[in-house]
Protein backbone atom coordinates (compact mmCIF):
# COMPACT_ATOMS: atom_id res chain seq x y z
CA UNK A 1 -80.58 -35.79 119.41
CA UNK A 2 -77.86 -37.49 117.94
CA UNK A 3 -75.83 -35.57 114.86
CA UNK A 4 -77.57 -37.82 112.00
CA UNK A 5 -81.37 -37.04 113.49
CA UNK A 6 -83.23 -35.33 110.77
CA UNK A 7 -84.99 -32.41 112.40
CA UNK A 8 -88.26 -32.25 109.80
CA UNK A 9 -88.28 -35.66 110.13
CA UNK A 10 -88.36 -35.77 114.01
CA UNK A 11 -90.78 -32.96 114.60
CA UNK A 12 -93.44 -34.89 112.08
CA UNK A 13 -93.03 -38.05 114.23
CA UNK A 14 -93.73 -36.37 117.11
CA UNK A 15 -97.07 -34.71 115.27
CA UNK A 16 -97.82 -38.60 114.17
CA UNK A 17 -97.74 -39.42 117.76
CA UNK A 18 -99.97 -36.59 118.98
CA UNK A 19 -102.33 -37.32 116.12
CA UNK A 20 -102.63 -41.18 117.51
CA UNK A 21 -103.04 -40.29 121.09
CA UNK A 22 -105.81 -37.44 120.04
CA UNK A 23 -107.70 -40.20 117.89
CA UNK A 24 -107.55 -43.21 120.06
CA UNK A 25 -107.76 -40.99 123.24
CA UNK A 26 -111.27 -39.94 121.78
CA UNK A 27 -112.25 -43.56 120.96
CA UNK A 28 -111.36 -44.30 124.60
CA UNK A 29 -113.63 -41.27 125.93
CA UNK A 30 -116.32 -43.14 123.85
CA UNK A 31 -116.10 -46.27 125.38
CA UNK A 32 -116.49 -44.41 128.64
CA UNK A 33 -119.19 -42.65 127.47
CA UNK A 34 -121.03 -45.69 126.12
CA UNK A 35 -120.94 -47.08 129.60
CA UNK A 36 -122.28 -44.16 131.13
CA UNK A 37 -125.43 -45.50 129.30
CA UNK A 38 -126.77 -42.22 128.01
CA UNK A 39 -126.32 -40.10 131.43
CA UNK A 40 -124.32 -37.04 130.38
CA UNK A 41 -124.05 -37.79 126.61
CA UNK A 42 -124.35 -34.50 125.12
CA UNK A 43 -121.80 -32.86 127.74
CA UNK A 44 -119.49 -35.63 127.73
CA UNK A 45 -118.78 -36.12 123.73
CA UNK A 46 -118.60 -32.61 123.27
CA UNK A 47 -115.57 -32.52 125.80
CA UNK A 48 -114.14 -35.51 124.72
CA UNK A 49 -114.21 -34.11 120.86
CA UNK A 50 -113.13 -30.53 122.09
CA UNK A 51 -109.73 -32.07 123.55
CA UNK A 52 -109.40 -34.32 120.82
CA UNK A 53 -109.48 -31.35 118.05
CA UNK A 54 -107.08 -29.44 120.31
CA UNK A 55 -104.37 -32.18 120.47
CA UNK A 56 -105.06 -32.52 116.23
CA UNK A 57 -104.74 -28.47 116.13
CA UNK A 58 -101.40 -28.63 118.00
CA UNK A 59 -100.37 -31.44 115.66
CA UNK A 60 -101.10 -29.60 112.39
CA UNK A 61 -99.40 -26.87 113.87
CA UNK A 62 -96.06 -28.79 114.29
CA UNK A 63 -96.18 -30.30 110.96
CA UNK A 64 -96.75 -26.57 109.15
CA UNK A 65 -93.64 -25.32 111.50
CA UNK A 66 -91.47 -28.13 110.70
CA UNK A 67 -91.36 -27.38 106.60
CA UNK A 68 -88.51 -24.75 106.60
CA UNK A 69 -86.42 -27.40 108.30
CA UNK A 70 -83.87 -29.32 106.76
CA UNK A 71 -84.90 -32.54 105.17
CA UNK A 72 -81.83 -33.91 104.08
CA UNK A 73 -81.70 -37.83 104.26
CA UNK A 74 -78.25 -39.75 104.24
CA UNK A 75 -78.40 -43.67 103.90
CA UNK A 76 -77.88 -44.63 107.63
CA UNK A 77 -81.23 -42.31 108.41
CA UNK A 78 -83.13 -43.60 105.44
CA UNK A 79 -82.67 -47.04 106.29
CA UNK A 80 -83.27 -46.62 110.36
CA UNK A 81 -86.60 -45.10 109.33
CA UNK A 82 -87.40 -47.74 107.11
CA UNK A 83 -86.87 -50.34 109.62
CA UNK A 84 -88.52 -48.54 112.38
CA UNK A 85 -91.32 -48.04 110.12
CA UNK A 86 -91.66 -51.74 109.26
CA UNK A 87 -91.65 -52.67 112.67
CA UNK A 88 -94.56 -50.00 113.70
CA UNK A 89 -96.60 -51.89 111.15
CA UNK A 90 -95.64 -55.30 112.90
CA UNK A 91 -96.44 -54.02 116.25
CA UNK A 92 -99.80 -52.51 115.48
CA UNK A 93 -100.63 -55.43 113.15
CA UNK A 94 -100.07 -57.91 116.43
CA UNK A 95 -102.09 -55.62 118.58
CA UNK A 96 -105.12 -55.32 116.41
CA UNK A 97 -104.94 -59.30 115.83
CA UNK A 98 -104.60 -59.63 119.76
CA UNK A 99 -107.86 -57.43 120.19
CA UNK A 100 -109.77 -59.26 117.68
CA UNK A 101 -108.85 -62.59 119.20
CA UNK A 102 -109.81 -60.73 122.81
CA UNK A 103 -113.41 -59.75 121.43
CA UNK A 104 -114.04 -63.11 119.95
CA UNK A 105 -113.14 -65.04 122.93
CA UNK A 106 -114.85 -62.59 125.48
CA UNK A 107 -118.23 -62.81 122.85
CA UNK A 108 -117.92 -66.31 122.42
CA UNK A 109 -117.54 -67.16 126.34
CA UNK A 110 -120.34 -64.39 127.06
CA UNK A 111 -117.69 -62.44 128.99
CA UNK A 112 -118.07 -59.06 127.37
CA UNK A 113 -117.36 -57.17 130.23
CA UNK A 114 -114.03 -58.29 130.33
CA UNK A 115 -113.54 -57.35 126.72
CA UNK A 116 -112.70 -53.14 127.59
CA UNK A 117 -110.23 -53.81 130.32
CA UNK A 118 -108.51 -56.80 128.26
CA UNK A 119 -107.97 -54.50 125.43
CA UNK A 120 -106.58 -51.45 127.48
CA UNK A 121 -104.15 -54.31 128.67
CA UNK A 122 -103.16 -55.30 125.27
CA UNK A 123 -103.04 -51.27 124.00
CA UNK A 124 -100.77 -50.71 127.06
CA UNK A 125 -98.44 -53.60 126.36
CA UNK A 126 -98.04 -52.47 122.89
CA UNK A 127 -96.60 -48.96 124.18
CA UNK A 128 -93.20 -50.97 125.46
CA UNK A 129 -92.13 -52.22 122.15
CA UNK A 130 -93.15 -48.71 120.60
CA UNK A 131 -90.88 -46.69 123.56
CA UNK A 132 -87.61 -48.66 122.71
CA UNK A 133 -88.34 -48.50 118.61
CA UNK A 134 -89.08 -44.61 118.88
CA UNK A 135 -86.89 -43.66 121.77
CA UNK A 136 -89.76 -42.24 123.47
CA UNK A 137 -89.57 -42.94 127.57
CA UNK A 138 -92.57 -41.68 127.79
CA UNK A 139 -94.22 -44.26 126.21
CA UNK A 140 -92.89 -46.56 129.02
CA UNK A 141 -94.84 -44.54 131.57
CA UNK A 142 -97.93 -44.64 129.41
CA UNK A 143 -97.67 -48.15 129.01
CA UNK A 144 -97.42 -48.99 132.55
CA UNK A 145 -100.42 -46.93 133.67
CA UNK A 146 -102.42 -48.25 130.63
CA UNK A 147 -101.84 -51.77 132.10
CA UNK A 148 -102.02 -50.94 135.64
CA UNK A 149 -105.67 -49.13 135.21
CA UNK A 150 -107.46 -51.92 134.29
CA UNK A 151 -105.92 -54.38 136.71
CA UNK A 152 -106.86 -52.39 139.45
CA UNK A 153 -110.29 -51.73 138.12
CA UNK A 154 -110.96 -55.41 137.75
CA UNK A 155 -109.56 -56.09 141.18
CA UNK A 156 -111.28 -53.31 143.01
CA UNK A 157 -114.48 -52.08 141.22
CA UNK A 158 -118.07 -54.01 140.31
CA UNK A 159 -118.77 -54.68 136.90
CA UNK A 160 -121.73 -52.52 137.06
CA UNK A 161 -123.91 -50.23 139.75
CA UNK A 162 -126.98 -48.35 139.41
CA UNK A 163 -127.29 -44.80 140.59
CA UNK A 164 -130.40 -43.15 140.82
CA UNK A 165 -132.29 -46.15 138.75
CA UNK A 166 -129.65 -45.38 136.21
CA UNK A 167 -127.34 -48.27 135.30
CA UNK A 168 -123.64 -47.63 134.55
CA UNK A 169 -121.21 -49.98 133.38
CA UNK A 170 -118.70 -49.34 136.13
CA UNK A 171 -115.59 -51.22 134.16
CA UNK A 172 -116.16 -49.47 130.66
CA UNK A 173 -116.59 -46.11 132.25
CA UNK A 174 -113.57 -46.61 134.67
CA UNK A 175 -111.12 -47.82 131.86
CA UNK A 176 -112.39 -45.84 129.24
CA UNK A 177 -112.34 -42.38 130.66
CA UNK A 178 -108.92 -43.49 132.66
CA UNK A 179 -107.48 -44.42 129.36
CA UNK A 180 -108.67 -41.66 127.36
CA UNK A 181 -106.73 -39.25 130.16
CA UNK A 182 -103.58 -41.27 129.92
CA UNK A 183 -103.28 -41.32 126.23
CA UNK A 184 -104.66 -37.49 125.97
CA UNK A 185 -101.79 -36.58 128.92
CA UNK A 186 -99.25 -38.61 126.58
CA UNK A 187 -100.24 -36.33 123.44
CA UNK A 188 -99.78 -33.16 125.31
CA UNK A 189 -96.02 -34.44 126.65
CA UNK A 190 -95.59 -35.27 122.95
CA UNK A 191 -96.68 -32.09 121.67
CA UNK A 192 -94.74 -30.13 123.98
CA UNK A 193 -91.74 -32.20 123.05
CA UNK A 194 -92.20 -31.31 119.34
CA UNK A 195 -92.31 -27.80 119.80
CA UNK A 196 -88.83 -28.26 121.99
CA UNK A 197 -87.58 -29.75 118.78
CA UNK A 198 -88.69 -26.84 116.71
CA UNK A 199 -86.95 -24.73 119.14
CA UNK A 200 -83.89 -26.49 119.06
CA UNK A 201 -83.76 -26.34 115.20
CA UNK A 202 -84.63 -22.84 115.16
CA UNK A 203 -81.57 -22.10 117.68
CA UNK A 204 -79.21 -23.95 115.64
CA UNK A 205 -80.29 -22.62 112.62
CA UNK A 206 -79.79 -18.95 114.08
CA UNK A 207 -76.24 -20.06 115.31
CA UNK A 208 -75.68 -21.25 112.02
CA UNK A 209 -76.20 -17.68 110.48
CA UNK A 210 -73.79 -15.68 112.55
CA UNK A 211 -70.77 -18.48 111.70
């Protein structure tokens, strides 16, 4: 952390990251569940929601514990956060546009099976500029895994299969649950980072009291 880093903004920034990972991780799990075609639906949906809720609780705790921290904003910091928010909006919008285009192309060419792996590639790619923008090296690993997963799935797994007379959409299941685990894992790492920032801020505050 640099001297100009805002403790409360830094902690709440990690909390926002955890919320995103919880929400989108659960959405990807939903894709995997849909690919199961009703097999084990109740157990999988409860487990997915539970993991998402636990991450969300962690984010809420970070936000609440960050309240006593300093929120002084100097001009340099305010400008940096303004630019970061603008670029985040651009990256997020571009990701959504590419996903919409992929959906249209896959549907119009009758290749809907390709949509989920292609979407995972787009989501994985968008983590690389986010890693540089927010200076979170973990996002580079997340992006790499999210790009490798659908690539390996498409190269090695069949599109669909039948198990005990039950149809399974293998690509959707593999990419859906795999992406969910990657995002949830990233959420846990980011959450731990947030609590470390809280601990660092507390230590600084304690040291200041004794000066």
